[in-house]
């Protein structure tokens, strides 16, 4: 999985995606999501283990997660409710916001 963390004025923004999702566009008939290099990749992105992803999501104020593996890690850790996960063709997407 690719993990990217960056500080914003709203707090820590974390983006995570399965590596095979990078550069792909997915559609579910209602919405489209593009997993761009500029948001999910780039020089600040690192390959991460499930434990590293969970730790980063726990620190995040906002997170975007794309990919079957990445979303599964967030759900299994109890950070994302399975019922809020969006299905996009052969992948999944979840957002996390701590208030």
PDB file of N, CA and C in Angstrom:
ATOM      1  N   UNK A   1       0.839  -1.168   0.000  1.00  0.00           N
ATOM      2  CA  UNK A   1       0.000   0.000   0.000  1.00  0.00           C
ATOM      3  C   UNK A   1       0.889   1.236   0.000  1.00  0.00           C
ATOM      4  N   UNK A   2       0.412   2.285  -0.648  1.00  0.00           N
ATOM      5  CA  UNK A   2       1.106   3.568  -0.628  1.00  0.00           C
ATOM      6  C   UNK A   2       0.460   4.469   0.414  1.00  0.00           C
ATOM      7  N   UNK A   3       1.290   5.073   1.229  1.00  0.00           N
ATOM      8  CA  UNK A   3       0.843   5.928   2.313  1.00  0.00           C
ATOM      9  C   UNK A   3       1.489   7.293   2.153  1.00  0.00           C
ATOM     10  N   UNK A   4       0.670   8.326   2.253  1.00  0.00           N
ATOM     11  CA  UNK A   4       1.183   9.697   2.186  1.00  0.00           C
ATOM     12  C   UNK A   4       0.541  10.510   3.304  1.00  0.00           C
ATOM     13  N   UNK A   5       1.377  11.220   4.042  1.00  0.00           N
ATOM     14  CA  UNK A   5       0.903  12.076   5.124  1.00  0.00           C
ATOM     15  C   UNK A   5       1.358  13.500   4.853  1.00  0.00           C
ATOM     16  N   UNK A   6       0.461  14.459   5.079  1.00  0.00           N
ATOM     17  CA  UNK A   6       0.852  15.866   4.927  1.00  0.00           C
ATOM     18  C   UNK A   6       0.013  16.736   5.845  1.00  0.00           C
ATOM     19  N   UNK A   7       0.661  17.757   6.353  1.00  0.00           N
ATOM     20  CA  UNK A   7      -0.016  18.717   7.222  1.00  0.00           C
ATOM     21  C   UNK A   7      -0.786  19.723   6.376  1.00  0.00           C
ATOM     22  N   UNK A   8      -2.008  20.018   6.797  1.00  0.00           N
ATOM     23  CA  UNK A   8      -2.820  21.049   6.163  1.00  0.00           C
ATOM     24  C   UNK A   8      -3.303  21.974   7.276  1.00  0.00           C
ATOM     25  N   UNK A   9      -3.968  23.052   6.916  1.00  0.00           N
ATOM     26  CA  UNK A   9      -4.482  23.952   7.946  1.00  0.00           C
ATOM     27  C   UNK A   9      -5.561  23.283   8.796  1.00  0.00           C
ATOM     28  N   UNK A  10      -6.194  22.221   8.274  1.00  0.00           N
ATOM     29  CA  UNK A  10      -7.200  21.477   9.021  1.00  0.00           C
ATOM     30  C   UNK A  10      -6.597  20.361   9.863  1.00  0.00           C
ATOM     31  N   UNK A  11      -5.305  20.100   9.723  1.00  0.00           N
ATOM     32  CA  UNK A  11      -4.645  19.024  10.450  1.00  0.00           C
ATOM     33  C   UNK A  11      -4.004  18.033   9.502  1.00  0.00           C
ATOM     34  N   UNK A  12      -3.673  16.873  10.013  1.00  0.00           N
ATOM     35  CA  UNK A  12      -2.970  15.858   9.230  1.00  0.00           C
ATOM     36  C   UNK A  12      -3.910  15.192   8.232  1.00  0.00           C
ATOM     37  N   UNK A  13      -3.532  15.237   6.957  1.00  0.00           N
ATOM     38  CA  UNK A  13      -4.257  14.574   5.873  1.00  0.00           C
ATOM     39  C   UNK A  13      -3.471  13.328   5.492  1.00  0.00           C
ATOM     40  N   UNK A  14      -4.131  12.182   5.529  1.00  0.00           N
ATOM     41  CA  UNK A  14      -3.512  10.915   5.172  1.00  0.00           C
ATOM     42  C   UNK A  14      -4.224  10.357   3.949  1.00  0.00           C
ATOM     43  N   UNK A  15      -3.445   9.930   2.971  1.00  0.00           N
ATOM     44  CA  UNK A  15      -4.001   9.244   1.813  1.00  0.00           C
ATOM     45  C   UNK A  15      -3.327   7.886   1.691  1.00  0.00           C
ATOM     46  N   UNK A  16      -4.138   6.872   1.437  1.00  0.00           N
ATOM     47  CA  UNK A  16      -3.649   5.501   1.327  1.00  0.00           C
ATOM     48  C   UNK A  16      -4.323   4.862   0.122  1.00  0.00           C
ATOM     49  N   UNK A  17      -3.536   4.130  -0.654  1.00  0.00           N
ATOM     50  CA  UNK A  17      -4.129   3.373  -1.756  1.00  0.00           C
ATOM     51  C   UNK A  17      -3.357   2.077  -1.963  1.00  0.00           C
ATOM     52  N   UNK A  18      -4.043   1.091  -2.506  1.00  0.00           N
ATOM     53  CA  UNK A  18      -3.361  -0.108  -2.971  1.00  0.00           C
ATOM     54  C   UNK A  18      -2.450   0.327  -4.111  1.00  0.00           C
ATOM     55  N   UNK A  19      -1.265  -0.233  -4.192  1.00  0.00           N
ATOM     56  CA  UNK A  19      -0.316   0.211  -5.216  1.00  0.00           C
ATOM     57  C   UNK A  19      -0.853   0.015  -6.629  1.00  0.00           C
ATOM     58  N   UNK A  20      -1.647  -1.032  -6.858  1.00  0.00           N
ATOM     59  CA  UNK A  20      -2.164  -1.257  -8.204  1.00  0.00           C
ATOM     60  C   UNK A  20      -3.297  -0.309  -8.584  1.00  0.00           C
ATOM     61  N   UNK A  21      -3.783   0.493  -7.646  1.00  0.00           N
ATOM     62  CA  UNK A  21      -4.836   1.473  -7.931  1.00  0.00           C
ATOM     63  C   UNK A  21      -4.270   2.791  -8.460  1.00  0.00           C
ATOM     64  N   UNK A  22      -3.009   3.057  -8.179  1.00  0.00           N
ATOM     65  CA  UNK A  22      -2.420   4.339  -8.551  1.00  0.00           C
ATOM     66  C   UNK A  22      -2.514   4.564 -10.059  1.00  0.00           C
ATOM     67  N   UNK A  23      -3.061   5.712 -10.440  1.00  0.00           N
ATOM     68  CA  UNK A  23      -3.213   6.061 -11.843  1.00  0.00           C
ATOM     69  C   UNK A  23      -4.505   5.563 -12.474  1.00  0.00           C
ATOM     70  N   UNK A  24      -5.292   4.828 -11.734  1.00  0.00           N
ATOM     71  CA  UNK A  24      -6.535   4.262 -12.266  1.00  0.00           C
ATOM     72  C   UNK A  24      -7.731   5.175 -11.982  1.00  0.00           C
ATOM     73  N   UNK A  25      -8.758   5.042 -12.823  1.00  0.00           N
ATOM     74  CA  UNK A  25     -10.025   5.731 -12.627  1.00  0.00           C
ATOM     75  C   UNK A  25     -11.106   4.667 -12.492  1.00  0.00           C
ATOM     76  N   UNK A  26     -11.971   4.862 -11.498  1.00  0.00           N
ATOM     77  CA  UNK A  26     -13.045   3.906 -11.224  1.00  0.00           C
ATOM     78  C   UNK A  26     -14.383   4.626 -11.226  1.00  0.00           C
ATOM     79  N   UNK A  27     -15.433   3.886 -11.626  1.00  0.00           N
ATOM     80  CA  UNK A  27     -16.773   4.446 -11.713  1.00  0.00           C
ATOM     81  C   UNK A  27     -17.736   3.483 -11.044  1.00  0.00           C
ATOM     82  N   UNK A  28     -18.763   4.012 -10.395  1.00  0.00           N
ATOM     83  CA  UNK A  28     -19.784   3.126  -9.821  1.00  0.00           C
ATOM     84  C   UNK A  28     -21.182   3.461 -10.343  1.00  0.00           C
ATOM     85  N   UNK A  29     -21.245   4.225 -11.430  1.00  0.00           N
ATOM     86  CA  UNK A  29     -22.533   4.601 -11.993  1.00  0.00           C
ATOM     87  C   UNK A  29     -23.080   5.887 -11.431  1.00  0.00           C
ATOM     88  N   UNK A  30     -22.636   6.272 -10.251  1.00  0.00           N
ATOM     89  CA  UNK A  30     -23.063   7.509  -9.608  1.00  0.00           C
ATOM     90  C   UNK A  30     -21.920   8.501  -9.497  1.00  0.00           C
ATOM     91  N   UNK A  31     -20.740   7.984  -9.252  1.00  0.00           N
ATOM     92  CA  UNK A  31     -19.561   8.834  -9.051  1.00  0.00           C
ATOM     93  C   UNK A  31     -18.344   8.176  -9.685  1.00  0.00           C
ATOM     94  N   UNK A  32     -17.326   8.994  -9.894  1.00  0.00           N
ATOM     95  CA  UNK A  32     -16.058   8.531 -10.443  1.00  0.00           C
ATOM     96  C   UNK A  32     -14.951   8.962  -9.497  1.00  0.00           C
ATOM     97  N   UNK A  33     -13.961   8.095  -9.334  1.00  0.00           N
ATOM     98  CA  UNK A  33     -12.791   8.440  -8.529  1.00  0.00           C
ATOM     99  C   UNK A  33     -11.534   8.123  -9.335  1.00  0.00           C
ATOM    100  N   UNK A  34     -10.607   9.071  -9.353  1.00  0.00           N
ATOM    101  CA  UNK A  34      -9.324   8.878 -10.004  1.00  0.00           C
ATOM    102  C   UNK A  34      -8.244   8.895  -8.934  1.00  0.00           C
ATOM    103  N   UNK A  35      -7.434   7.872  -8.912  1.00  0.00           N
ATOM    104  CA  UNK A  35      -6.371   7.721  -7.917  1.00  0.00           C
ATOM    105  C   UNK A  35      -5.102   8.331  -8.519  1.00  0.00           C
ATOM    106  N   UNK A  36      -4.933   9.625  -8.291  1.00  0.00           N
ATOM    107  CA  UNK A  36      -3.858  10.359  -8.946  1.00  0.00           C
ATOM    108  C   UNK A  36      -2.532  10.260  -8.210  1.00  0.00           C
ATOM    109  N   UNK A  37      -1.471  10.326  -8.987  1.00  0.00           N
ATOM    110  CA  UNK A  37      -0.113  10.369  -8.449  1.00  0.00           C
ATOM    111  C   UNK A  37       0.064  11.599  -7.566  1.00  0.00           C
ATOM    112  N   UNK A  38      -0.526  12.713  -7.974  1.00  0.00           N
ATOM    113  CA  UNK A  38      -0.329  13.959  -7.231  1.00  0.00           C
ATOM    114  C   UNK A  38      -0.953  13.926  -5.837  1.00  0.00           C
ATOM    115  N   UNK A  39      -1.990  13.121  -5.638  1.00  0.00           N
ATOM    116  CA  UNK A  39      -2.633  13.056  -4.323  1.00  0.00           C
ATOM    117  C   UNK A  39      -2.178  11.847  -3.508  1.00  0.00           C
ATOM    118  N   UNK A  40      -2.110  10.689  -4.134  1.00  0.00           N
ATOM    119  CA  UNK A  40      -1.790   9.455  -3.418  1.00  0.00           C
ATOM    120  C   UNK A  40      -0.322   9.054  -3.510  1.00  0.00           C
ATOM    121  N   UNK A  41       0.374   9.542  -4.496  1.00  0.00           N
ATOM    122  CA  UNK A  41       1.761   9.143  -4.706  1.00  0.00           C
ATOM    123  C   UNK A  41       2.723  10.282  -4.454  1.00  0.00           C
ATOM    124  N   UNK A  42       3.682  10.417  -5.339  1.00  0.00           N
ATOM    125  CA  UNK A  42       4.654  11.487  -5.224  1.00  0.00           C
ATOM    126  C   UNK A  42       5.815  11.118  -4.325  1.00  0.00           C
ATOM    127  N   UNK A  43       6.744  12.037  -4.198  1.00  0.00           N
ATOM    128  CA  UNK A  43       7.968  11.742  -3.432  1.00  0.00           C
ATOM    129  C   UNK A  43       7.731  11.554  -1.939  1.00  0.00           C
ATOM    130  N   UNK A  44       6.612  12.035  -1.421  1.00  0.00           N
ATOM    131  CA  UNK A  44       6.323  11.884   0.003  1.00  0.00           C
ATOM    132  C   UNK A  44       5.626  10.565   0.337  1.00  0.00           C
ATOM    133  N   UNK A  45       5.199   9.830  -0.678  1.00  0.00           N
ATOM    134  CA  UNK A  45       4.497   8.566  -0.449  1.00  0.00           C
ATOM    135  C   UNK A  45       5.509   7.449  -0.186  1.00  0.00           C
ATOM    136  N   UNK A  46       5.134   6.555   0.725  1.00  0.00           N
ATOM    137  CA  UNK A  46       5.988   5.418   1.053  1.00  0.00           C
ATOM    138  C   UNK A  46       5.164   4.140   0.992  1.00  0.00           C
ATOM    139  N   UNK A  47       5.827   3.033   0.688  1.00  0.00           N
ATOM    140  CA  UNK A  47       5.155   1.743   0.787  1.00  0.00           C
ATOM    141  C   UNK A  47       5.030   1.423   2.260  1.00  0.00           C
ATOM    142  N   UNK A  48       3.837   1.003   2.675  1.00  0.00           N
ATOM    143  CA  UNK A  48       3.569   0.828   4.091  1.00  0.00           C
ATOM    144  C   UNK A  48       2.921  -0.518   4.382  1.00  0.00           C
ATOM    145  N   UNK A  49       3.178  -1.002   5.581  1.00  0.00           N
ATOM    146  CA  UNK A  49       2.535  -2.215   6.075  1.00  0.00           C
ATOM    147  C   UNK A  49       1.161  -1.855   6.631  1.00  0.00           C
ATOM    148  N   UNK A  50       0.385  -2.876   6.924  1.00  0.00           N
ATOM    149  CA  UNK A  50      -0.930  -2.645   7.522  1.00  0.00           C
ATOM    150  C   UNK A  50      -0.796  -1.906   8.851  1.00  0.00           C
ATOM    151  N   UNK A  51       0.195  -2.253   9.644  1.00  0.00           N
ATOM    152  CA  UNK A  51       0.398  -1.605  10.935  1.00  0.00           C
ATOM    153  C   UNK A  51       0.725  -0.120  10.762  1.00  0.00           C
ATOM    154  N   UNK A  52       1.541   0.207   9.781  1.00  0.00           N
ATOM    155  CA  UNK A  52       1.895   1.599   9.524  1.00  0.00           C
ATOM    156  C   UNK A  52       0.689   2.399   9.031  1.00  0.00           C
ATOM    157  N   UNK A  53      -0.138   1.773   8.214  1.00  0.00           N
ATOM    158  CA  UNK A  53      -1.352   2.427   7.729  1.00  0.00           C
ATOM    159  C   UNK A  53      -2.300   2.705   8.893  1.00  0.00           C
ATOM    160  N   UNK A  54      -2.510   1.732   9.759  1.00  0.00           N
ATOM    161  CA  UNK A  54      -3.399   1.916  10.916  1.00  0.00           C
ATOM    162  C   UNK A  54      -2.884   3.038  11.804  1.00  0.00           C
ATOM    163  N   UNK A  55      -1.588   3.072  12.051  1.00  0.00           N
ATOM    164  CA  UNK A  55      -1.011   4.127  12.890  1.00  0.00           C
ATOM    165  C   UNK A  55      -1.229   5.499  12.265  1.00  0.00           C
ATOM    166  N   UNK A  56      -1.007   5.618  10.961  1.00  0.00           N
ATOM    167  CA  UNK A  56      -1.193   6.901  10.278  1.00  0.00           C
ATOM    168  C   UNK A  56      -2.658   7.323  10.297  1.00  0.00           C
ATOM    169  N   UNK A  57      -3.565   6.392  10.052  1.00  0.00           N
ATOM    170  CA  UNK A  57      -4.994   6.721  10.078  1.00  0.00           C
ATOM    171  C   UNK A  57      -5.428   7.155  11.469  1.00  0.00           C
ATOM    172  N   UNK A  58      -4.812   6.581  12.489  1.00  0.00           N
ATOM    173  CA  UNK A  58      -5.124   6.972  13.853  1.00  0.00           C
ATOM    174  C   UNK A  58      -4.673   8.386  14.188  1.00  0.00           C
ATOM    175  N   UNK A  59      -3.641   8.873  13.493  1.00  0.00           N
ATOM    176  CA  UNK A  59      -3.137  10.239  13.697  1.00  0.00           C
ATOM    177  C   UNK A  59      -3.873  11.269  12.848  1.00  0.00           C
ATOM    178  N   UNK A  60      -4.551  10.817  11.811  1.00  0.00           N
ATOM    179  CA  UNK A  60      -5.146  11.710  10.816  1.00  0.00           C
ATOM    180  C   UNK A  60      -6.368  12.446  11.334  1.00  0.00           C
ATOM    181  N   UNK A  61      -6.533  13.676  10.860  1.00  0.00           N
ATOM    182  CA  UNK A  61      -7.797  14.368  11.050  1.00  0.00           C
ATOM    183  C   UNK A  61      -8.714  14.057   9.863  1.00  0.00           C
ATOM    184  N   UNK A  62      -8.113  13.867   8.682  1.00  0.00           N
ATOM    185  CA  UNK A  62      -8.838  13.539   7.457  1.00  0.00           C
ATOM    186  C   UNK A  62      -8.041  12.478   6.719  1.00  0.00           C
ATOM    187  N   UNK A  63      -8.745  11.497   6.149  1.00  0.00           N
ATOM    188  CA  UNK A  63      -8.059  10.466   5.375  1.00  0.00           C
ATOM    189  C   UNK A  63      -8.921  10.027   4.204  1.00  0.00           C
ATOM    190  N   UNK A  64      -8.241   9.676   3.116  1.00  0.00           N
ATOM    191  CA  UNK A  64      -8.872   9.084   1.946  1.00  0.00           C
ATOM    192  C   UNK A  64      -8.181   7.750   1.707  1.00  0.00           C
ATOM    193  N   UNK A  65      -8.987   6.701   1.547  1.00  0.00           N
ATOM    194  CA  UNK A  65      -8.455   5.354   1.414  1.00  0.00           C
ATOM    195  C   UNK A  65      -9.085   4.705   0.185  1.00  0.00           C
ATOM    196  N   UNK A  66      -8.235   4.179  -0.712  1.00  0.00           N
ATOM    197  CA  UNK A  66      -8.721   3.536  -1.932  1.00  0.00           C
ATOM    198  C   UNK A  66      -8.046   2.181  -2.091  1.00  0.00           C
ATOM    199  N   UNK A  67      -8.838   1.196  -2.453  1.00  0.00           N
ATOM    200  CA  UNK A  67      -8.304  -0.133  -2.734  1.00  0.00           C
ATOM    201  C   UNK A  67      -8.881  -1.160  -1.785  1.00  0.00           C
ATOM    202  N   UNK A  68      -9.049  -2.351  -2.280  1.00  0.00           N
ATOM    203  CA  UNK A  68      -9.635  -3.426  -1.485  1.00  0.00           C
ATOM    204  C   UNK A  68      -8.795  -3.720  -0.246  1.00  0.00           C
ATOM    205  N   UNK A  69      -7.467  -3.802  -0.404  1.00  0.00           N
ATOM    206  CA  UNK A  69      -6.604  -4.092   0.736  1.00  0.00           C
ATOM    207  C   UNK A  69      -6.595  -2.928   1.734  1.00  0.00           C
ATOM    208  N   UNK A  70      -6.381  -1.715   1.233  1.00  0.00           N
ATOM    209  CA  UNK A  70      -6.275  -0.548   2.110  1.00  0.00           C
ATOM    210  C   UNK A  70      -7.567  -0.314   2.887  1.00  0.00           C
ATOM    211  N   UNK A  71      -8.693  -0.383   2.222  1.00  0.00           N
ATOM    212  CA  UNK A  71      -9.977  -0.198   2.907  1.00  0.00           C
ATOM    213  C   UNK A  71     -10.204  -1.335   3.896  1.00  0.00           C
ATOM    214  N   UNK A  72      -9.832  -2.551   3.523  1.00  0.00           N
ATOM    215  CA  UNK A  72      -9.968  -3.685   4.428  1.00  0.00           C
ATOM    216  C   UNK A  72      -9.170  -3.499   5.708  1.00  0.00           C
ATOM    217  N   UNK A  73      -7.964  -2.945   5.591  1.00  0.00           N
ATOM    218  CA  UNK A  73      -7.132  -2.666   6.764  1.00  0.00           C
ATOM    219  C   UNK A  73      -7.843  -1.668   7.677  1.00  0.00           C
ATOM    220  N   UNK A  74      -8.390  -0.608   7.104  1.00  0.00           N
ATOM    221  CA  UNK A  74      -9.083   0.422   7.890  1.00  0.00           C
ATOM    222  C   UNK A  74     -10.333  -0.145   8.562  1.00  0.00           C
ATOM    223  N   UNK A  75     -11.079  -0.984   7.858  1.00  0.00           N
ATOM    224  CA  UNK A  75     -12.282  -1.604   8.424  1.00  0.00           C
ATOM    225  C   UNK A  75     -11.897  -2.573   9.543  1.00  0.00           C
ATOM    226  N   UNK A  76     -10.911  -3.435   9.284  1.00  0.00           N
ATOM    227  CA  UNK A  76     -10.489  -4.423  10.287  1.00  0.00           C
ATOM    228  C   UNK A  76      -9.983  -3.760  11.560  1.00  0.00           C
ATOM    229  N   UNK A  77      -9.381  -2.567  11.430  1.00  0.00           N
ATOM    230  CA  UNK A  77      -8.869  -1.842  12.596  1.00  0.00           C
ATOM    231  C   UNK A  77      -9.970  -1.090  13.336  1.00  0.00           C
ATOM    232  N   UNK A  78     -11.181  -1.094  12.789  1.00  0.00           N
ATOM    233  CA  UNK A  78     -12.289  -0.401  13.431  1.00  0.00           C
ATOM    234  C   UNK A  78     -12.286   1.102  13.197  1.00  0.00           C
ATOM    235  N   UNK A  79     -11.522   1.559  12.216  1.00  0.00           N
ATOM    236  CA  UNK A  79     -11.443   2.985  11.919  1.00  0.00           C
ATOM    237  C   UNK A  79     -12.477   3.425  10.897  1.00  0.00           C
ATOM    238  N   UNK A  80     -12.968   2.498  10.103  1.00  0.00           N
ATOM    239  CA  UNK A  80     -13.982   2.777   9.086  1.00  0.00           C
ATOM    240  C   UNK A  80     -15.101   1.760   9.248  1.00  0.00           C
ATOM    241  N   UNK A  81     -16.336   2.234   9.229  1.00  0.00           N
ATOM    242  CA  UNK A  81     -17.506   1.367   9.308  1.00  0.00           C
ATOM    243  C   UNK A  81     -17.758   0.772   7.923  1.00  0.00           C
ATOM    244  N   UNK A  82     -17.867  -0.533   7.862  1.00  0.00           N
ATOM    245  CA  UNK A  82     -18.077  -1.248   6.594  1.00  0.00           C
ATOM    246  C   UNK A  82     -19.265  -0.678   5.815  1.00  0.00           C
ATOM    247  N   UNK A  83     -20.297  -0.232   6.519  1.00  0.00           N
ATOM    248  CA  UNK A  83     -21.502   0.274   5.861  1.00  0.00           C
ATOM    249  C   UNK A  83     -21.273   1.598   5.140  1.00  0.00           C
ATOM    250  N   UNK A  84     -20.185   2.290   5.439  1.00  0.00           N
ATOM    251  CA  UNK A  84     -19.912   3.580   4.793  1.00  0.00           C
ATOM    252  C   UNK A  84     -18.956   3.457   3.612  1.00  0.00           C
ATOM    253  N   UNK A  85     -18.477   2.262   3.346  1.00  0.00           N
ATOM    254  CA  UNK A  85     -17.528   2.032   2.252  1.00  0.00           C
ATOM    255  C   UNK A  85     -18.265   2.074   0.916  1.00  0.00           C
ATOM    256  N   UNK A  86     -17.687   2.792  -0.036  1.00  0.00           N
ATOM    257  CA  UNK A  86     -18.252   2.873  -1.379  1.00  0.00           C
ATOM    258  C   UNK A  86     -17.583   1.856  -2.291  1.00  0.00           C
ATOM    259  N   UNK A  87     -18.378   1.229  -3.129  1.00  0.00           N
ATOM    260  CA  UNK A  87     -17.871   0.264  -4.106  1.00  0.00           C
ATOM    261  C   UNK A  87     -17.688   0.971  -5.443  1.00  0.00           C
ATOM    262  N   UNK A  88     -16.527   0.813  -6.047  1.00  0.00           N
ATOM    263  CA  UNK A  88     -16.209   1.387  -7.354  1.00  0.00           C
ATOM    264  C   UNK A  88     -15.643   0.278  -8.230  1.00  0.00           C
ATOM    265  N   UNK A  89     -16.451  -0.220  -9.159  1.00  0.00           N
ATOM    266  CA  UNK A  89     -16.032  -1.303 -10.031  1.00  0.00           C
ATOM    267  C   UNK A  89     -15.340  -2.379  -9.204  1.00  0.00           C
ATOM    268  N   UNK A  90     -14.046  -2.616  -9.440  1.00  0.00           N
ATOM    269  CA  UNK A  90     -13.360  -3.686  -8.715  1.00  0.00           C
ATOM    270  C   UNK A  90     -12.573  -3.195  -7.498  1.00  0.00           C
ATOM    271  N   UNK A  91     -12.858  -1.984  -7.027  1.00  0.00           N
ATOM    272  CA  UNK A  91     -12.151  -1.482  -5.853  1.00  0.00           C
ATOM    273  C   UNK A  91     -13.119  -0.833  -4.871  1.00  0.00           C
ATOM    274  N   UNK A  92     -12.575  -0.328  -3.771  1.00  0.00           N
ATOM    275  CA  UNK A  92     -13.391   0.268  -2.719  1.00  0.00           C
ATOM    276  C   UNK A  92     -12.783   1.607  -2.307  1.00  0.00           C
ATOM    277  N   UNK A  93     -13.614   2.469  -1.730  1.00  0.00           N
ATOM    278  CA  UNK A  93     -13.171   3.792  -1.296  1.00  0.00           C
ATOM    279  C   UNK A  93     -13.832   4.154   0.030  1.00  0.00           C
ATOM    280  N   UNK A  94     -13.034   4.759   0.915  1.00  0.00           N
ATOM    281  CA  UNK A  94     -13.577   5.228   2.190  1.00  0.00           C
ATOM    282  C   UNK A  94     -12.903   6.539   2.557  1.00  0.00           C
ATOM    283  N   UNK A  95     -13.638   7.366   3.253  1.00  0.00           N
ATOM    284  CA  UNK A  95     -13.093   8.604   3.794  1.00  0.00           C
ATOM    285  C   UNK A  95     -13.246   8.568   5.302  1.00  0.00           C
ATOM    286  N   UNK A  96     -12.305   9.211   5.960  1.00  0.00           N
ATOM    287  CA  UNK A  96     -12.288   9.236   7.409  1.00  0.00           C
ATOM    288  C   UNK A  96     -12.127  10.689   7.844  1.00  0.00           C
ATOM    289  N   UNK A  97     -12.961  11.106   8.778  1.00  0.00           N
ATOM    290  CA  UNK A  97     -12.896  12.474   9.291  1.00  0.00           C
ATOM    291  C   UNK A  97     -13.098  12.430  10.795  1.00  0.00           C
ATOM    292  N   UNK A  98     -12.115  12.915  11.524  1.00  0.00           N
ATOM    293  CA  UNK A  98     -12.214  12.992  12.980  1.00  0.00           C
ATOM    294  C   UNK A  98     -12.596  14.421  13.342  1.00  0.00           C
ATOM    295  N   UNK A  99     -13.654  14.575  14.092  1.00  0.00           N
ATOM    296  CA  UNK A  99     -14.098  15.911  14.522  1.00  0.00           C
ATOM    297  C   UNK A  99     -13.766  16.143  15.971  1.00  0.00           C
TER     298      UNK A  99
END
